PDB file of N, CA and C in Angstrom:
ATOM      1  N   MET A   1      46.984 -35.729 -33.293  1.00  0.00           N
ATOM      2  CA  MET A   1      48.386 -35.592 -33.596  1.00  0.00           C
ATOM      3  C   MET A   1      48.613 -35.453 -35.089  1.00  0.00           C
ATOM      4  N   SER A   2      49.470 -34.631 -35.471  1.00  0.00           N
ATOM      5  CA  SER A   2      49.721 -34.433 -36.871  1.00  0.00           C
ATOM      6  C   SER A   2      50.368 -35.678 -37.480  1.00  0.00           C
ATOM      7  N   GLU A   3      50.239 -35.891 -38.806  1.00  0.00           N
ATOM      8  CA  GLU A   3      50.797 -37.021 -39.438  1.00  0.00           C
ATOM      9  C   GLU A   3      52.279 -37.123 -39.229  1.00  0.00           C
ATOM     10  N   MET A   4      52.960 -36.007 -39.346  1.00  0.00           N
ATOM     11  CA  MET A   4      54.477 -35.937 -39.115  1.00  0.00           C
ATOM     12  C   MET A   4      54.763 -36.437 -37.699  1.00  0.00           C
ATOM     13  N   ASN A   5      54.138 -35.783 -36.749  1.00  0.00           N
ATOM     14  CA  ASN A   5      54.450 -36.169 -35.313  1.00  0.00           C
ATOM     15  C   ASN A   5      54.209 -37.576 -35.040  1.00  0.00           C
ATOM     16  N   ALA A   6      53.298 -38.204 -35.695  1.00  0.00           N
ATOM     17  CA  ALA A   6      52.969 -39.633 -35.472  1.00  0.00           C
ATOM     18  C   ALA A   6      54.157 -40.574 -35.964  1.00  0.00           C
ATOM     19  N   LEU A   7      54.957 -40.002 -36.938  1.00  0.00           N
ATOM     20  CA  LEU A   7      56.075 -40.766 -37.563  1.00  0.00           C
ATOM     21  C   LEU A   7      57.335 -40.646 -36.754  1.00  0.00           C
ATOM     22  N   LEU A   8      57.358 -39.638 -35.799  1.00  0.00           N
ATOM     23  CA  LEU A   8      58.630 -39.458 -35.105  1.00  0.00           C
ATOM     24  C   LEU A   8      58.970 -40.568 -34.089  1.00  0.00           C
ATOM     25  N   GLU A   9      60.227 -40.955 -34.176  1.00  0.00           N
ATOM     26  CA  GLU A   9      60.680 -42.100 -33.263  1.00  0.00           C
ATOM     27  C   GLU A   9      61.967 -41.611 -32.513  1.00  0.00           C
ATOM     28  N   PRO A  10      62.211 -42.252 -31.387  1.00  0.00           N
ATOM     29  CA  PRO A  10      63.456 -41.974 -30.739  1.00  0.00           C
ATOM     30  C   PRO A  10      64.656 -41.943 -31.556  1.00  0.00           C
ATOM     31  N   GLY A  11      65.513 -40.928 -31.464  1.00  0.00           N
ATOM     32  CA  GLY A  11      66.770 -40.813 -32.186  1.00  0.00           C
ATOM     33  C   GLY A  11      66.656 -39.848 -33.378  1.00  0.00           C
ATOM     34  N   MET A  12      65.416 -39.547 -33.803  1.00  0.00           N
ATOM     35  CA  MET A  12      65.234 -38.601 -34.894  1.00  0.00           C
ATOM     36  C   MET A  12      65.500 -37.187 -34.335  1.00  0.00           C
ATOM     37  N   PHE A  13      65.966 -36.345 -35.390  1.00  0.00           N
ATOM     38  CA  PHE A  13      66.302 -34.905 -35.080  1.00  0.00           C
ATOM     39  C   PHE A  13      65.186 -34.007 -35.567  1.00  0.00           C
ATOM     40  N   VAL A  14      64.823 -32.994 -34.757  1.00  0.00           N
ATOM     41  CA  VAL A  14      63.724 -32.133 -35.044  1.00  0.00           C
ATOM     42  C   VAL A  14      64.027 -30.671 -34.677  1.00  0.00           C
ATOM     43  N   ARG A  15      63.168 -29.759 -35.157  1.00  0.00           N
ATOM     44  CA  ARG A  15      63.148 -28.422 -34.705  1.00  0.00           C
ATOM     45  C   ARG A  15      61.689 -28.100 -34.397  1.00  0.00           C
ATOM     46  N   ASN A  16      61.627 -27.188 -33.381  1.00  0.00           N
ATOM     47  CA  ASN A  16      60.240 -26.596 -33.073  1.00  0.00           C
ATOM     48  C   ASN A  16      60.168 -25.274 -33.767  1.00  0.00           C
ATOM     49  N   PRO A  17      59.297 -25.197 -34.808  1.00  0.00           N
ATOM     50  CA  PRO A  17      59.242 -23.977 -35.628  1.00  0.00           C
ATOM     51  C   PRO A  17      58.787 -22.744 -34.799  1.00  0.00           C
ATOM     52  N   SER A  18      58.122 -22.944 -33.748  1.00  0.00           N
ATOM     53  CA  SER A  18      57.625 -21.796 -32.893  1.00  0.00           C
ATOM     54  C   SER A  18      58.622 -21.430 -31.902  1.00  0.00           C
ATOM     55  N   GLN A  19      59.825 -22.203 -31.726  1.00  0.00           N
ATOM     56  CA  GLN A  19      60.857 -21.914 -30.823  1.00  0.00           C
ATOM     57  C   GLN A  19      62.158 -22.149 -31.461  1.00  0.00           C
ATOM     58  N   PRO A  20      62.527 -21.422 -32.576  1.00  0.00           N
ATOM     59  CA  PRO A  20      63.814 -21.761 -33.243  1.00  0.00           C
ATOM     60  C   PRO A  20      65.086 -21.583 -32.326  1.00  0.00           C
ATOM     61  N   GLU A  21      64.937 -20.684 -31.331  1.00  0.00           N
ATOM     62  CA  GLU A  21      66.151 -20.516 -30.471  1.00  0.00           C
ATOM     63  C   GLU A  21      66.449 -21.746 -29.667  1.00  0.00           C
ATOM     64  N   TRP A  22      65.556 -22.760 -29.578  1.00  0.00           N
ATOM     65  CA  TRP A  22      65.900 -23.960 -28.839  1.00  0.00           C
ATOM     66  C   TRP A  22      66.969 -24.796 -29.678  1.00  0.00           C
ATOM     67  N   GLY A  23      67.014 -24.595 -30.932  1.00  0.00           N
ATOM     68  CA  GLY A  23      68.022 -25.323 -31.696  1.00  0.00           C
ATOM     69  C   GLY A  23      67.499 -26.710 -32.092  1.00  0.00           C
ATOM     70  N   VAL A  24      68.406 -27.579 -32.454  1.00  0.00           N
ATOM     71  CA  VAL A  24      68.148 -28.901 -32.854  1.00  0.00           C
ATOM     72  C   VAL A  24      67.666 -29.721 -31.673  1.00  0.00           C
ATOM     73  N   GLY A  25      66.750 -30.605 -31.812  1.00  0.00           N
ATOM     74  CA  GLY A  25      66.421 -31.555 -30.722  1.00  0.00           C
ATOM     75  C   GLY A  25      66.392 -32.959 -31.205  1.00  0.00           C
ATOM     76  N   GLN A  26      66.627 -33.816 -30.282  1.00  0.00           N
ATOM     77  CA  GLN A  26      66.587 -35.235 -30.522  1.00  0.00           C
ATOM     78  C   GLN A  26      65.446 -35.860 -29.811  1.00  0.00           C
ATOM     79  N   VAL A  27      64.529 -36.589 -30.558  1.00  0.00           N
ATOM     80  CA  VAL A  27      63.389 -37.186 -29.945  1.00  0.00           C
ATOM     81  C   VAL A  27      63.815 -38.337 -28.979  1.00  0.00           C
ATOM     82  N   GLN A  28      63.286 -38.290 -27.761  1.00  0.00           N
ATOM     83  CA  GLN A  28      63.547 -39.279 -26.772  1.00  0.00           C
ATOM     84  C   GLN A  28      62.439 -40.336 -26.703  1.00  0.00           C
ATOM     85  N   SER A  29      61.172 -39.876 -26.872  1.00  0.00           N
ATOM     86  CA  SER A  29      60.004 -40.750 -26.811  1.00  0.00           C
ATOM     87  C   SER A  29      58.839 -40.092 -27.502  1.00  0.00           C
ATOM     88  N   ASN A  30      57.899 -40.909 -27.924  1.00  0.00           N
ATOM     89  CA  ASN A  30      56.641 -40.417 -28.542  1.00  0.00           C
ATOM     90  C   ASN A  30      55.519 -41.378 -28.094  1.00  0.00           C
ATOM     91  N   ILE A  31      54.848 -40.910 -27.060  1.00  0.00           N
ATOM     92  CA  ILE A  31      53.829 -41.832 -26.518  1.00  0.00           C
ATOM     93  C   ILE A  31      52.485 -41.122 -26.163  1.00  0.00           C
ATOM     94  N   ASN A  32      51.389 -41.644 -26.713  1.00  0.00           N
ATOM     95  CA  ASN A  32      50.117 -40.966 -26.568  1.00  0.00           C
ATOM     96  C   ASN A  32      50.046 -39.484 -26.752  1.00  0.00           C
ATOM     97  N   SER A  33      50.477 -38.960 -27.828  1.00  0.00           N
ATOM     98  CA  SER A  33      50.559 -37.506 -28.150  1.00  0.00           C
ATOM     99  C   SER A  33      51.420 -36.700 -27.362  1.00  0.00           C
ATOM    100  N   ARG A  34      52.326 -37.291 -26.657  1.00  0.00           N
ATOM    101  CA  ARG A  34      53.296 -36.587 -25.830  1.00  0.00           C
ATOM    102  C   ARG A  34      54.776 -36.961 -26.409  1.00  0.00           C
ATOM    103  N   ILE A  35      55.456 -35.966 -26.892  1.00  0.00           N
ATOM    104  CA  ILE A  35      56.768 -36.157 -27.481  1.00  0.00           C
ATOM    105  C   ILE A  35      57.775 -35.505 -26.567  1.00  0.00           C
ATOM    106  N   THR A  36      58.711 -36.305 -26.107  1.00  0.00           N
ATOM    107  CA  THR A  36      59.794 -35.801 -25.247  1.00  0.00           C
ATOM    108  C   THR A  36      61.043 -35.575 -26.177  1.00  0.00           C
ATOM    109  N   VAL A  37      61.557 -34.337 -26.167  1.00  0.00           N
ATOM    110  CA  VAL A  37      62.638 -33.970 -27.121  1.00  0.00           C
ATOM    111  C   VAL A  37      63.763 -33.287 -26.210  1.00  0.00           C
ATOM    112  N   ASN A  38      64.978 -33.688 -26.468  1.00  0.00           N
ATOM    113  CA  ASN A  38      66.084 -32.994 -25.814  1.00  0.00           C
ATOM    114  C   ASN A  38      66.712 -31.986 -26.741  1.00  0.00           C
ATOM    115  N   PHE A  39      66.437 -30.762 -26.583  1.00  0.00           N
ATOM    116  CA  PHE A  39      66.965 -29.623 -27.415  1.00  0.00           C
ATOM    117  C   PHE A  39      68.249 -29.180 -26.957  1.00  0.00           C
ATOM    118  N   GLU A  40      69.073 -28.751 -27.904  1.00  0.00           N
ATOM    119  CA  GLU A  40      70.518 -28.313 -27.631  1.00  0.00           C
ATOM    120  C   GLU A  40      70.559 -27.103 -26.731  1.00  0.00           C
ATOM    121  N   ASN A  41      69.604 -26.188 -26.872  1.00  0.00           N
ATOM    122  CA  ASN A  41      69.677 -24.955 -26.101  1.00  0.00           C
ATOM    123  C   ASN A  41      68.538 -24.799 -25.071  1.00  0.00           C
ATOM    124  N   GLU A  42      67.693 -25.835 -24.920  1.00  0.00           N
ATOM    125  CA  GLU A  42      66.615 -25.686 -24.028  1.00  0.00           C
ATOM    126  C   GLU A  42      66.550 -26.925 -23.022  1.00  0.00           C
ATOM    127  N   GLY A  43      67.206 -27.978 -23.406  1.00  0.00           N
ATOM    128  CA  GLY A  43      67.098 -29.157 -22.629  1.00  0.00           C
ATOM    129  C   GLY A  43      65.899 -30.015 -22.919  1.00  0.00           C
ATOM    130  N   LYS A  44      65.536 -30.954 -22.032  1.00  0.00           N
ATOM    131  CA  LYS A  44      64.470 -31.825 -22.230  1.00  0.00           C
ATOM    132  C   LYS A  44      63.140 -31.127 -22.105  1.00  0.00           C
ATOM    133  N   VAL A  45      62.305 -31.321 -23.107  1.00  0.00           N
ATOM    134  CA  VAL A  45      60.902 -30.717 -23.136  1.00  0.00           C
ATOM    135  C   VAL A  45      59.934 -31.752 -23.595  1.00  0.00           C
ATOM    136  N   VAL A  46      58.733 -31.817 -22.840  1.00  0.00           N
ATOM    137  CA  VAL A  46      57.701 -32.642 -23.272  1.00  0.00           C
ATOM    138  C   VAL A  46      56.697 -31.823 -23.924  1.00  0.00           C
ATOM    139  N   LEU A  47      56.369 -32.147 -25.191  1.00  0.00           N
ATOM    140  CA  LEU A  47      55.509 -31.304 -26.031  1.00  0.00           C
ATOM    141  C   LEU A  47      54.172 -32.187 -26.303  1.00  0.00           C
ATOM    142  N   ASP A  48      53.061 -31.388 -26.409  1.00  0.00           N
ATOM    143  CA  ASP A  48      51.707 -31.929 -26.747  1.00  0.00           C
ATOM    144  C   ASP A  48      51.671 -31.982 -28.277  1.00  0.00           C
ATOM    145  N   ALA A  49      51.726 -33.214 -28.807  1.00  0.00           N
ATOM    146  CA  ALA A  49      51.757 -33.320 -30.252  1.00  0.00           C
ATOM    147  C   ALA A  49      50.430 -32.854 -30.972  1.00  0.00           C
ATOM    148  N   THR A  50      49.391 -32.658 -30.240  1.00  0.00           N
ATOM    149  CA  THR A  50      48.186 -32.153 -30.765  1.00  0.00           C
ATOM    150  C   THR A  50      48.167 -30.640 -30.930  1.00  0.00           C
ATOM    151  N   ARG A  51      49.194 -29.994 -30.326  1.00  0.00           N
ATOM    152  CA  ARG A  51      49.255 -28.485 -30.312  1.00  0.00           C
ATOM    153  C   ARG A  51      50.439 -27.959 -31.183  1.00  0.00           C
ATOM    154  N   ILE A  52      51.407 -28.790 -31.495  1.00  0.00           N
ATOM    155  CA  ILE A  52      52.585 -28.344 -32.188  1.00  0.00           C
ATOM    156  C   ILE A  52      53.027 -29.415 -33.272  1.00  0.00           C
ATOM    157  N   ALA A  53      53.435 -28.859 -34.379  1.00  0.00           N
ATOM    158  CA  ALA A  53      53.947 -29.749 -35.479  1.00  0.00           C
ATOM    159  C   ALA A  53      55.522 -29.532 -35.505  1.00  0.00           C
ATOM    160  N   LEU A  54      56.246 -30.525 -35.138  1.00  0.00           N
ATOM    161  CA  LEU A  54      57.693 -30.435 -35.252  1.00  0.00           C
ATOM    162  C   LEU A  54      58.200 -30.620 -36.677  1.00  0.00           C
ATOM    163  N   ASP A  55      59.319 -30.049 -37.005  1.00  0.00           N
ATOM    164  CA  ASP A  55      59.957 -30.236 -38.285  1.00  0.00           C
ATOM    165  C   ASP A  55      61.030 -31.257 -38.155  1.00  0.00           C
ATOM    166  N   ARG A  56      60.994 -32.279 -38.907  1.00  0.00           N
ATOM    167  CA  ARG A  56      61.974 -33.371 -38.847  1.00  0.00           C
ATOM    168  C   ARG A  56      63.137 -32.859 -39.697  1.00  0.00           C
ATOM    169  N   LEU A  57      64.333 -33.102 -39.235  1.00  0.00           N
ATOM    170  CA  LEU A  57      65.604 -32.753 -39.983  1.00  0.00           C
ATOM    171  C   LEU A  57      66.196 -34.046 -40.491  1.00  0.00           C
ATOM    172  N   PHE A  58      66.232 -34.263 -41.815  1.00  0.00           N
ATOM    173  CA  PHE A  58      66.682 -35.421 -42.505  1.00  0.00           C
ATOM    174  C   PHE A  58      68.167 -35.398 -42.655  1.00  0.00           C
ATOM    175  N   ASP A  59      68.804 -34.183 -42.726  1.00  0.00           N
ATOM    176  CA  ASP A  59      70.182 -34.156 -42.972  1.00  0.00           C
ATOM    177  C   ASP A  59      71.035 -34.366 -41.793  1.00  0.00           C
ATOM    178  N   MET A  60      70.488 -34.549 -40.577  1.00  0.00           N
ATOM    179  CA  MET A  60      71.238 -34.726 -39.323  1.00  0.00           C
ATOM    180  C   MET A  60      71.504 -36.248 -39.113  1.00  0.00           C
ATOM    181  N   GLU A  61      70.798 -37.192 -39.758  1.00  0.00           N
ATOM    182  CA  GLU A  61      70.867 -38.544 -39.488  1.00  0.00           C
ATOM    183  C   GLU A  61      71.914 -39.231 -40.344  1.00  0.00           C
TER     184      GLU A  61
END
């Protein structure tokens, strides 16, 4: 898991840089390299944190 992904907690806002059309997402859970995020344009997605690095959005909180 990337260092950034390891720091993600429920309630934080993120973007998936490889899927910008999904829009902003809110982290639902981060357990054992599986991050569940609810994206505004894609819905709930479970991502493998070992394969993708999410961008945290600090200005949304």
